[in-house]
Amino acid sequence: MDIWRLIERDHANITQLIREIPNALNGPGVVRSRERLLADLLDELRVHAAAVEASLMTALGRHAEARGLVSDLRHEHERAMSELRALAKYGRHDVSGWLNRFEDVSYLVDQHLHRHTHEVLPLARRLLSAQEIHEAAQAFVRARGQALRGSGWTPRGKAEPSEFALVATVGLAAVGAALLAWRFGLLRGASAPARGRDSDRSLSRGQPRSDLAAAAPRERAPREDLRDRQDRLLDEAVEETFPASDPISPARITR
């Protein structure tokens, strides 16, 4: 992947965080709270700046034409980071004041990224050779990886230990509920009446349970007890329709 796409991807991640933060909830129980997203934004900007500094800024700094721009952008980055760190310490209760300050700071970040896209990149394409651009891409990747490893930064979307605990608790609760439901169903099946099972022996042992109701005689056999016949057909109907949502409503059998 070339350095232009690497920088474009970082800019997209930063822009997405800026869009999400004003709409995020806040509080200790919220996983992706406003505070957490702001911390992610600070990390993204810091890591991106380290990668750009080690790649394009270093290469452009060798050209007199680019030195003024490089210096300006370094100062802009420090100002934006300072404002964001101050905002991270801002009180939670004044929500409207916090959002107003964030809007001002995010404007600085947007302007900074805009200058990267429309001033730094075109200048780098014009001044740097193909070899310098290739080396800058390698330096970008190395510096970004070192910045991530050096800070112990948790990538965006990766759960922290507290989030793992929350997920594990929910998962265990779901497993426990499923186990109770299974055991309840098993006990219901074990305690079901055994009425009419003796008459099932007249059917083939290899015959599927779903075919039992169809195999039942339509007419009552001579001397067959009417109550036993009704119980057997009812048991077979229950097994045939389980697990239907609506219970069957058998009528009284008179023949």
C-alpha atoms as a PDB file:
ATOM      1  CA  MET A   1       0.000   0.000   0.000  1.00  0.00           C
ATOM      2  CA  ASP A   2       1.431   3.428  -0.945  1.00  0.00           C
ATOM      3  CA  ILE A   3       1.817   6.277   1.503  1.00  0.00           C
ATOM      4  CA  TRP A   4      -1.034   8.270  -0.022  1.00  0.00           C
ATOM      5  CA  ARG A   5      -3.558   5.575   0.822  1.00  0.00           C
ATOM      6  CA  LEU A   6      -2.067   5.093   4.297  1.00  0.00           C
ATOM      7  CA  ILE A   7      -2.533   8.775   5.057  1.00  0.00           C
ATOM      8  CA  GLU A   8      -6.015   8.782   3.540  1.00  0.00           C
ATOM      9  CA  ARG A   9      -7.033   5.867   5.762  1.00  0.00           C
ATOM     10  CA  ASP A  10      -5.784   7.625   8.891  1.00  0.00           C
ATOM     11  CA  HIS A  11      -7.657  10.782   7.938  1.00  0.00           C
ATOM     12  CA  ALA A  12     -10.860   8.772   7.460  1.00  0.00           C
ATOM     13  CA  ASN A  13     -10.519   7.204  10.925  1.00  0.00           C
ATOM     14  CA  ILE A  14      -9.958  10.587  12.553  1.00  0.00           C
ATOM     15  CA  THR A  15     -12.877  12.183  10.707  1.00  0.00           C
ATOM     16  CA  GLN A  16     -15.193   9.340  11.722  1.00  0.00           C
ATOM     17  CA  LEU A  17     -14.300   9.779  15.391  1.00  0.00           C
ATOM     18  CA  ILE A  18     -14.951  13.518  15.176  1.00  0.00           C
ATOM     19  CA  ARG A  19     -18.432  12.773  13.806  1.00  0.00           C
ATOM     20  CA  GLU A  20     -19.249  10.198  16.483  1.00  0.00           C
ATOM     21  CA  ILE A  21     -18.126  12.079  19.577  1.00  0.00           C
ATOM     22  CA  PRO A  22     -20.904  14.760  19.774  1.00  0.00           C
ATOM     23  CA  ASN A  23     -23.615  12.081  19.596  1.00  0.00           C
ATOM     24  CA  ALA A  24     -22.020   9.693  22.080  1.00  0.00           C
ATOM     25  CA  LEU A  25     -23.456   9.123  25.529  1.00  0.00           C
ATOM     26  CA  ASN A  26     -21.360   9.565  28.627  1.00  0.00           C
ATOM     27  CA  GLY A  27     -21.002   7.788  31.917  1.00  0.00           C
ATOM     28  CA  PRO A  28     -19.003   5.026  33.610  1.00  0.00           C
ATOM     29  CA  GLY A  29     -21.263   2.258  32.331  1.00  0.00           C
ATOM     30  CA  VAL A  30     -21.142   3.249  28.663  1.00  0.00           C
ATOM     31  CA  VAL A  31     -18.650   1.218  26.633  1.00  0.00           C
ATOM     32  CA  ARG A  32     -18.139   3.724  23.835  1.00  0.00           C
ATOM     33  CA  SER A  33     -18.653   6.861  25.878  1.00  0.00           C
ATOM     34  CA  ARG A  34     -17.741  10.373  24.812  1.00  0.00           C
ATOM     35  CA  GLU A  35     -14.658  10.235  27.031  1.00  0.00           C
ATOM     36  CA  ARG A  36     -13.524   6.947  25.498  1.00  0.00           C
ATOM     37  CA  LEU A  37     -14.003   8.245  21.945  1.00  0.00           C
ATOM     38  CA  LEU A  38     -12.110  11.432  22.772  1.00  0.00           C
ATOM     39  CA  ALA A  39      -9.230   9.331  24.113  1.00  0.00           C
ATOM     40  CA  ASP A  40      -9.323   7.321  20.877  1.00  0.00           C
ATOM     41  CA  LEU A  41      -9.173  10.551  18.883  1.00  0.00           C
ATOM     42  CA  LEU A  42      -6.134  11.738  20.832  1.00  0.00           C
ATOM     43  CA  ASP A  43      -4.407   8.411  20.190  1.00  0.00           C
ATOM     44  CA  GLU A  44      -5.252   8.433  16.487  1.00  0.00           C
ATOM     45  CA  LEU A  45      -3.880  11.959  16.070  1.00  0.00           C
ATOM     46  CA  ARG A  46      -0.724  11.189  18.048  1.00  0.00           C
ATOM     47  CA  VAL A  47       0.028   7.983  16.144  1.00  0.00           C
ATOM     48  CA  HIS A  48      -0.735   9.600  12.796  1.00  0.00           C
ATOM     49  CA  ALA A  49       1.500  12.581  13.572  1.00  0.00           C
ATOM     50  CA  ALA A  50       4.375  10.281  14.543  1.00  0.00           C
ATOM     51  CA  ALA A  51       4.019   8.364  11.274  1.00  0.00           C
ATOM     52  CA  VAL A  52       3.787  11.490   9.102  1.00  0.00           C
ATOM     53  CA  GLU A  53       6.711  13.125  10.922  1.00  0.00           C
ATOM     54  CA  ALA A  54       8.955  10.110  10.341  1.00  0.00           C
ATOM     55  CA  SER A  55       8.022   9.872   6.674  1.00  0.00           C
ATOM     56  CA  LEU A  56       6.867  12.884   4.674  1.00  0.00           C
ATOM     57  CA  MET A  57       7.845  15.652   7.090  1.00  0.00           C
ATOM     58  CA  THR A  58      11.390  14.362   7.378  1.00  0.00           C
ATOM     59  CA  ALA A  59      11.738  13.979   3.624  1.00  0.00           C
ATOM     60  CA  LEU A  60      10.169  17.362   2.866  1.00  0.00           C
ATOM     61  CA  GLY A  61      12.301  19.051   5.504  1.00  0.00           C
ATOM     62  CA  ARG A  62      15.321  18.485   3.256  1.00  0.00           C
ATOM     63  CA  HIS A  63      13.791  20.814   0.652  1.00  0.00           C
ATOM     64  CA  ALA A  64      13.943  24.534   1.334  1.00  0.00           C
ATOM     65  CA  GLU A  65      10.634  25.106  -0.429  1.00  0.00           C
ATOM     66  CA  ALA A  66       8.779  22.920   2.045  1.00  0.00           C
ATOM     67  CA  ARG A  67      10.385  23.903   5.340  1.00  0.00           C
ATOM     68  CA  GLY A  68       7.978  26.743   6.118  1.00  0.00           C
ATOM     69  CA  LEU A  69       4.937  24.524   5.570  1.00  0.00           C
ATOM     70  CA  VAL A  70       6.417  21.718   7.633  1.00  0.00           C
ATOM     71  CA  SER A  71       7.042  24.111  10.523  1.00  0.00           C
ATOM     72  CA  ASP A  72       3.511  25.529  10.374  1.00  0.00           C
ATOM     73  CA  LEU A  73       1.925  22.100  10.423  1.00  0.00           C
ATOM     74  CA  ARG A  74       3.985  21.011  13.401  1.00  0.00           C
ATOM     75  CA  HIS A  75       2.758  24.019  15.360  1.00  0.00           C
ATOM     76  CA  GLU A  76      -0.845  23.372  14.277  1.00  0.00           C
ATOM     77  CA  HIS A  77      -0.639  19.794  15.480  1.00  0.00           C
ATOM     78  CA  GLU A  78       0.697  20.801  18.892  1.00  0.00           C
ATOM     79  CA  ARG A  79      -2.042  23.388  19.296  1.00  0.00           C
ATOM     80  CA  ALA A  80      -4.821  20.944  18.395  1.00  0.00           C
ATOM     81  CA  MET A  81      -3.440  18.292  20.747  1.00  0.00           C
ATOM     82  CA  SER A  82      -3.151  20.797  23.585  1.00  0.00           C
ATOM     83  CA  GLU A  83      -6.774  21.872  23.113  1.00  0.00           C
ATOM     84  CA  LEU A  84      -7.986  18.267  23.030  1.00  0.00           C
ATOM     85  CA  ARG A  85      -6.081  17.350  26.204  1.00  0.00           C
ATOM     86  CA  ALA A  86      -7.642  20.330  27.969  1.00  0.00           C
ATOM     87  CA  LEU A  87     -11.053  19.238  26.741  1.00  0.00           C
ATOM     88  CA  ALA A  88     -10.465  15.736  28.125  1.00  0.00           C
ATOM     89  CA  LYS A  89     -10.171  17.305  31.608  1.00  0.00           C
ATOM     90  CA  TYR A  90     -13.301  19.413  31.160  1.00  0.00           C
ATOM     91  CA  GLY A  91     -16.171  18.762  33.597  1.00  0.00           C
ATOM     92  CA  ARG A  92     -18.922  16.346  32.578  1.00  0.00           C
ATOM     93  CA  HIS A  93     -21.844  18.365  33.874  1.00  0.00           C
ATOM     94  CA  ASP A  94     -21.633  21.310  31.482  1.00  0.00           C
ATOM     95  CA  VAL A  95     -22.596  19.350  28.381  1.00  0.00           C
ATOM     96  CA  SER A  96     -23.388  22.341  26.179  1.00  0.00           C
ATOM     97  CA  GLY A  97     -20.100  24.032  27.068  1.00  0.00           C
ATOM     98  CA  TRP A  98     -18.189  20.821  26.362  1.00  0.00           C
ATOM     99  CA  LEU A  99     -19.803  20.409  22.946  1.00  0.00           C
ATOM    100  CA  ASN A 100     -19.099  24.028  22.028  1.00  0.00           C
ATOM    101  CA  ARG A 101     -15.436  23.641  22.919  1.00  0.00           C
ATOM    102  CA  PHE A 102     -15.226  20.367  21.032  1.00  0.00           C
ATOM    103  CA  GLU A 103     -16.704  22.005  17.947  1.00  0.00           C
ATOM    104  CA  ASP A 104     -13.988  24.657  18.074  1.00  0.00           C
ATOM    105  CA  VAL A 105     -11.200  22.118  18.542  1.00  0.00           C
ATOM    106  CA  SER A 106     -12.519  19.773  15.876  1.00  0.00           C
ATOM    107  CA  TYR A 107     -12.477  22.693  13.444  1.00  0.00           C
ATOM    108  CA  LEU A 108      -8.742  23.050  14.105  1.00  0.00           C
ATOM    109  CA  VAL A 109      -8.257  19.339  13.425  1.00  0.00           C
ATOM    110  CA  ASP A 110     -10.292  19.501  10.220  1.00  0.00           C
ATOM    111  CA  GLN A 111      -8.245  22.442   8.981  1.00  0.00           C
ATOM    112  CA  HIS A 112      -5.030  20.635   9.855  1.00  0.00           C
ATOM    113  CA  LEU A 113      -6.038  17.534   7.900  1.00  0.00           C
ATOM    114  CA  HIS A 114      -7.219  19.709   5.013  1.00  0.00           C
ATOM    115  CA  ARG A 115      -3.770  21.290   4.759  1.00  0.00           C
ATOM    116  CA  HIS A 116      -2.182  17.845   4.795  1.00  0.00           C
ATOM    117  CA  THR A 117      -4.368  16.732   1.907  1.00  0.00           C
ATOM    118  CA  HIS A 118      -4.246  19.866  -0.229  1.00  0.00           C
ATOM    119  CA  GLU A 119      -0.794  21.248   0.559  1.00  0.00           C
ATOM    120  CA  VAL A 120       1.555  18.577   1.904  1.00  0.00           C
ATOM    121  CA  LEU A 121       0.631  15.710  -0.387  1.00  0.00           C
ATOM    122  CA  PRO A 122       0.756  17.696  -3.654  1.00  0.00           C
ATOM    123  CA  LEU A 123       4.077  19.212  -2.612  1.00  0.00           C
ATOM    124  CA  ALA A 124       5.486  15.792  -1.723  1.00  0.00           C
ATOM    125  CA  ARG A 125       4.396  14.365  -5.080  1.00  0.00           C
ATOM    126  CA  ARG A 126       6.192  17.200  -6.818  1.00  0.00           C
ATOM    127  CA  LEU A 127       9.409  17.389  -4.788  1.00  0.00           C
ATOM    128  CA  LEU A 128      10.108  13.809  -3.770  1.00  0.00           C
ATOM    129  CA  SER A 129      11.498  11.160  -6.057  1.00  0.00           C
ATOM    130  CA  ALA A 130       9.919   7.728  -6.490  1.00  0.00           C
ATOM    131  CA  GLN A 131      12.601   6.240  -4.238  1.00  0.00           C
ATOM    132  CA  GLU A 132      11.997   8.859  -1.550  1.00  0.00           C
ATOM    133  CA  ILE A 133       8.250   8.198  -1.667  1.00  0.00           C
ATOM    134  CA  HIS A 134       8.844   4.453  -1.343  1.00  0.00           C
ATOM    135  CA  GLU A 135      11.155   4.968   1.626  1.00  0.00           C
ATOM    136  CA  ALA A 136       8.655   7.382   3.171  1.00  0.00           C
ATOM    137  CA  ALA A 137       5.930   4.715   2.992  1.00  0.00           C
ATOM    138  CA  GLN A 138       8.171   2.216   4.778  1.00  0.00           C
ATOM    139  CA  ALA A 139       9.069   4.804   7.404  1.00  0.00           C
ATOM    140  CA  PHE A 140       5.363   5.608   7.882  1.00  0.00           C
ATOM    141  CA  VAL A 141       4.509   1.979   8.617  1.00  0.00           C
ATOM    142  CA  ARG A 142       7.459   1.487  10.979  1.00  0.00           C
ATOM    143  CA  ALA A 143       6.796   4.694  12.907  1.00  0.00           C
ATOM    144  CA  ARG A 144       3.105   3.959  13.224  1.00  0.00           C
ATOM    145  CA  GLY A 145       3.773   0.498  14.584  1.00  0.00           C
ATOM    146  CA  GLN A 146       6.334   1.799  17.066  1.00  0.00           C
ATOM    147  CA  ALA A 147       3.927   4.490  18.266  1.00  0.00           C
ATOM    148  CA  LEU A 148       1.206   1.908  18.833  1.00  0.00           C
ATOM    149  CA  ARG A 149       3.455  -0.537  20.654  1.00  0.00           C
ATOM    150  CA  GLY A 150       5.218   2.104  22.712  1.00  0.00           C
ATOM    151  CA  SER A 151       2.016   3.483  24.241  1.00  0.00           C
ATOM    152  CA  GLY A 152       0.183   0.224  24.813  1.00  0.00           C
ATOM    153  CA  TRP A 153      -2.678   1.770  22.888  1.00  0.00           C
ATOM    154  CA  THR A 154      -5.827  -0.319  22.523  1.00  0.00           C
ATOM    155  CA  PRO A 155      -6.948  -0.267  18.857  1.00  0.00           C
ATOM    156  CA  ARG A 156     -10.348   1.223  18.224  1.00  0.00           C
ATOM    157  CA  GLY A 157     -13.090  -1.374  18.593  1.00  0.00           C
ATOM    158  CA  LYS A 158     -10.954  -3.727  20.693  1.00  0.00           C
ATOM    159  CA  ALA A 159     -12.452  -4.507  24.078  1.00  0.00           C
ATOM    160  CA  GLU A 160     -10.652  -3.571  27.264  1.00  0.00           C
ATOM    161  CA  PRO A 161     -10.499  -5.982  30.254  1.00  0.00           C
ATOM    162  CA  SER A 162     -13.652  -4.458  31.776  1.00  0.00           C
ATOM    163  CA  GLU A 163     -15.483  -4.921  28.477  1.00  0.00           C
ATOM    164  CA  PHE A 164     -14.333  -8.550  28.298  1.00  0.00           C
ATOM    165  CA  ALA A 165     -15.732  -9.067  31.808  1.00  0.00           C
ATOM    166  CA  LEU A 166     -19.075  -7.602  30.736  1.00  0.00           C
ATOM    167  CA  VAL A 167     -19.249  -9.801  27.641  1.00  0.00           C
ATOM    168  CA  ALA A 168     -18.256 -12.876  29.665  1.00  0.00           C
ATOM    169  CA  THR A 169     -20.941 -12.176  32.268  1.00  0.00           C
ATOM    170  CA  VAL A 170     -23.653 -11.829  29.636  1.00  0.00           C
ATOM    171  CA  GLY A 171     -22.455 -14.968  27.897  1.00  0.00           C
ATOM    172  CA  LEU A 172     -22.476 -17.015  31.100  1.00  0.00           C
ATOM    173  CA  ALA A 173     -25.965 -15.790  31.927  1.00  0.00           C
ATOM    174  CA  ALA A 174     -27.186 -16.855  28.492  1.00  0.00           C
ATOM    175  CA  VAL A 175     -25.584 -20.292  28.872  1.00  0.00           C
ATOM    176  CA  GLY A 176     -27.135 -20.704  32.306  1.00  0.00           C
ATOM    177  CA  ALA A 177     -30.584 -19.786  31.008  1.00  0.00           C
ATOM    178  CA  ALA A 178     -30.223 -22.227  28.119  1.00  0.00           C
ATOM    179  CA  LEU A 179     -29.140 -24.988  30.523  1.00  0.00           C
ATOM    180  CA  LEU A 180     -32.126 -24.384  32.770  1.00  0.00           C
ATOM    181  CA  ALA A 181     -34.474 -24.432  29.795  1.00  0.00           C
ATOM    182  CA  TRP A 182     -32.934 -27.667  28.535  1.00  0.00           C
ATOM    183  CA  ARG A 183     -33.173 -29.317  31.925  1.00  0.00           C
ATOM    184  CA  PHE A 184     -36.776 -28.170  32.321  1.00  0.00           C
ATOM    185  CA  GLY A 185     -37.661 -29.617  28.960  1.00  0.00           C
ATOM    186  CA  LEU A 186     -35.832 -32.841  29.777  1.00  0.00           C
ATOM    187  CA  LEU A 187     -37.655 -33.212  33.066  1.00  0.00           C
ATOM    188  CA  ARG A 188     -40.994 -32.570  31.382  1.00  0.00           C
ATOM    189  CA  GLY A 189     -40.208 -35.256  28.844  1.00  0.00           C
ATOM    190  CA  ALA A 190     -39.130 -37.711  31.570  1.00  0.00           C
ATOM    191  CA  SER A 191     -42.303 -37.117  33.578  1.00  0.00           C
ATOM    192  CA  ALA A 192     -44.677 -37.411  30.630  1.00  0.00           C
ATOM    193  CA  PRO A 193     -47.331 -40.069  31.039  1.00  0.00           C
ATOM    194  CA  ALA A 194     -46.475 -43.469  29.644  1.00  0.00           C
ATOM    195  CA  ARG A 195     -50.062 -44.144  28.670  1.00  0.00           C
ATOM    196  CA  GLY A 196     -50.626 -45.894  25.402  1.00  0.00           C
ATOM    197  CA  ARG A 197     -46.966 -46.959  24.942  1.00  0.00           C
ATOM    198  CA  ASP A 198     -47.796 -50.639  25.147  1.00  0.00           C
ATOM    199  CA  SER A 199     -50.011 -50.315  22.087  1.00  0.00           C
ATOM    200  CA  ASP A 200     -47.048 -48.697  20.189  1.00  0.00           C
ATOM    201  CA  ARG A 201     -45.261 -52.051  20.296  1.00  0.00           C
ATOM    202  CA  SER A 202     -47.568 -53.350  17.576  1.00  0.00           C
ATOM    203  CA  LEU A 203     -45.796 -50.935  15.173  1.00  0.00           C
ATOM    204  CA  SER A 204     -42.405 -51.563  13.618  1.00  0.00           C
ATOM    205  CA  ARG A 205     -39.479 -50.755  15.922  1.00  0.00           C
ATOM    206  CA  GLY A 206     -37.636 -48.920  13.161  1.00  0.00           C
ATOM    207  CA  GLN A 207     -40.567 -46.695  12.304  1.00  0.00           C
ATOM    208  CA  PRO A 208     -39.914 -42.953  12.908  1.00  0.00           C
ATOM    209  CA  ARG A 209     -41.828 -41.313  15.729  1.00  0.00           C
ATOM    210  CA  SER A 210     -43.266 -38.758  13.293  1.00  0.00           C
ATOM    211  CA  ASP A 211     -45.074 -41.609  11.491  1.00  0.00           C
ATOM    212  CA  LEU A 212     -46.826 -43.006  14.557  1.00  0.00           C
ATOM    213  CA  ALA A 213     -49.926 -40.824  14.271  1.00  0.00           C
ATOM    214  CA  ALA A 214     -50.293 -41.648  10.593  1.00  0.00           C
ATOM    215  CA  ALA A 215     -49.906 -45.370  11.352  1.00  0.00           C
ATOM    216  CA  ALA A 216     -52.679 -45.365  13.946  1.00  0.00           C
ATOM    217  CA  PRO A 217     -55.810 -47.208  12.825  1.00  0.00           C
ATOM    218  CA  ARG A 218     -58.621 -44.944  11.701  1.00  0.00           C
ATOM    219  CA  GLU A 219     -61.317 -47.236  13.104  1.00  0.00           C
ATOM    220  CA  ARG A 220     -61.445 -48.601  16.617  1.00  0.00           C
ATOM    221  CA  ALA A 221     -60.574 -52.268  16.772  1.00  0.00           C
ATOM    222  CA  PRO A 222     -63.101 -54.661  18.304  1.00  0.00           C
ATOM    223  CA  ARG A 223     -62.927 -54.764  22.095  1.00  0.00           C
ATOM    224  CA  GLU A 224     -60.395 -51.853  22.139  1.00  0.00           C
ATOM    225  CA  ASP A 225     -60.849 -49.694  25.179  1.00  0.00           C
ATOM    226  CA  LEU A 226     -62.115 -46.274  24.077  1.00  0.00           C
ATOM    227  CA  ARG A 227     -60.220 -44.362  26.785  1.00  0.00           C
ATOM    228  CA  ASP A 228     -56.907 -46.109  26.022  1.00  0.00           C
ATOM    229  CA  ARG A 229     -57.363 -45.357  22.339  1.00  0.00           C
ATOM    230  CA  GLN A 230     -57.994 -41.686  23.035  1.00  0.00           C
ATOM    231  CA  ASP A 231     -54.921 -41.414  25.303  1.00  0.00           C
ATOM    232  CA  ARG A 232     -52.677 -43.113  22.767  1.00  0.00           C
ATOM    233  CA  LEU A 233     -53.771 -40.936  19.879  1.00  0.00           C
ATOM    234  CA  LEU A 234     -53.393 -37.836  22.025  1.00  0.00           C
ATOM    235  CA  ASP A 235     -49.829 -38.807  22.996  1.00  0.00           C
ATOM    236  CA  GLU A 236     -48.947 -39.445  19.372  1.00  0.00           C
ATOM    237  CA  ALA A 237     -50.443 -36.128  18.287  1.00  0.00           C
ATOM    238  CA  VAL A 238     -48.387 -34.279  20.870  1.00  0.00           C
ATOM    239  CA  GLU A 239     -45.184 -35.947  19.697  1.00  0.00           C
ATOM    240  CA  GLU A 240     -46.112 -35.272  16.077  1.00  0.00           C
ATOM    241  CA  THR A 241     -46.599 -31.536  16.558  1.00  0.00           C
ATOM    242  CA  PHE A 242     -43.867 -30.761  19.152  1.00  0.00           C
ATOM    243  CA  PRO A 243     -42.517 -28.089  19.461  1.00  0.00           C
ATOM    244  CA  ALA A 244     -45.453 -26.164  18.032  1.00  0.00           C
ATOM    245  CA  SER A 245     -46.271 -22.808  19.542  1.00  0.00           C
ATOM    246  CA  ASP A 246     -50.002 -23.525  19.821  1.00  0.00           C
ATOM    247  CA  PRO A 247     -51.207 -26.561  21.773  1.00  0.00           C
ATOM    248  CA  ILE A 248     -53.486 -29.007  20.027  1.00  0.00           C
ATOM    249  CA  SER A 249     -57.156 -29.186  20.956  1.00  0.00           C
ATOM    250  CA  PRO A 250     -58.255 -32.810  20.519  1.00  0.00           C
ATOM    251  CA  ALA A 251     -61.937 -33.575  20.445  1.00  0.00           C
ATOM    252  CA  ARG A 252     -63.430 -36.446  22.366  1.00  0.00           C
ATOM    253  CA  ILE A 253     -63.100 -39.678  20.360  1.00  0.00           C
ATOM    254  CA  THR A 254     -66.355 -41.605  20.121  1.00  0.00           C
ATOM    255  CA  ARG A 255     -65.370 -44.423  17.817  1.00  0.00           C
END
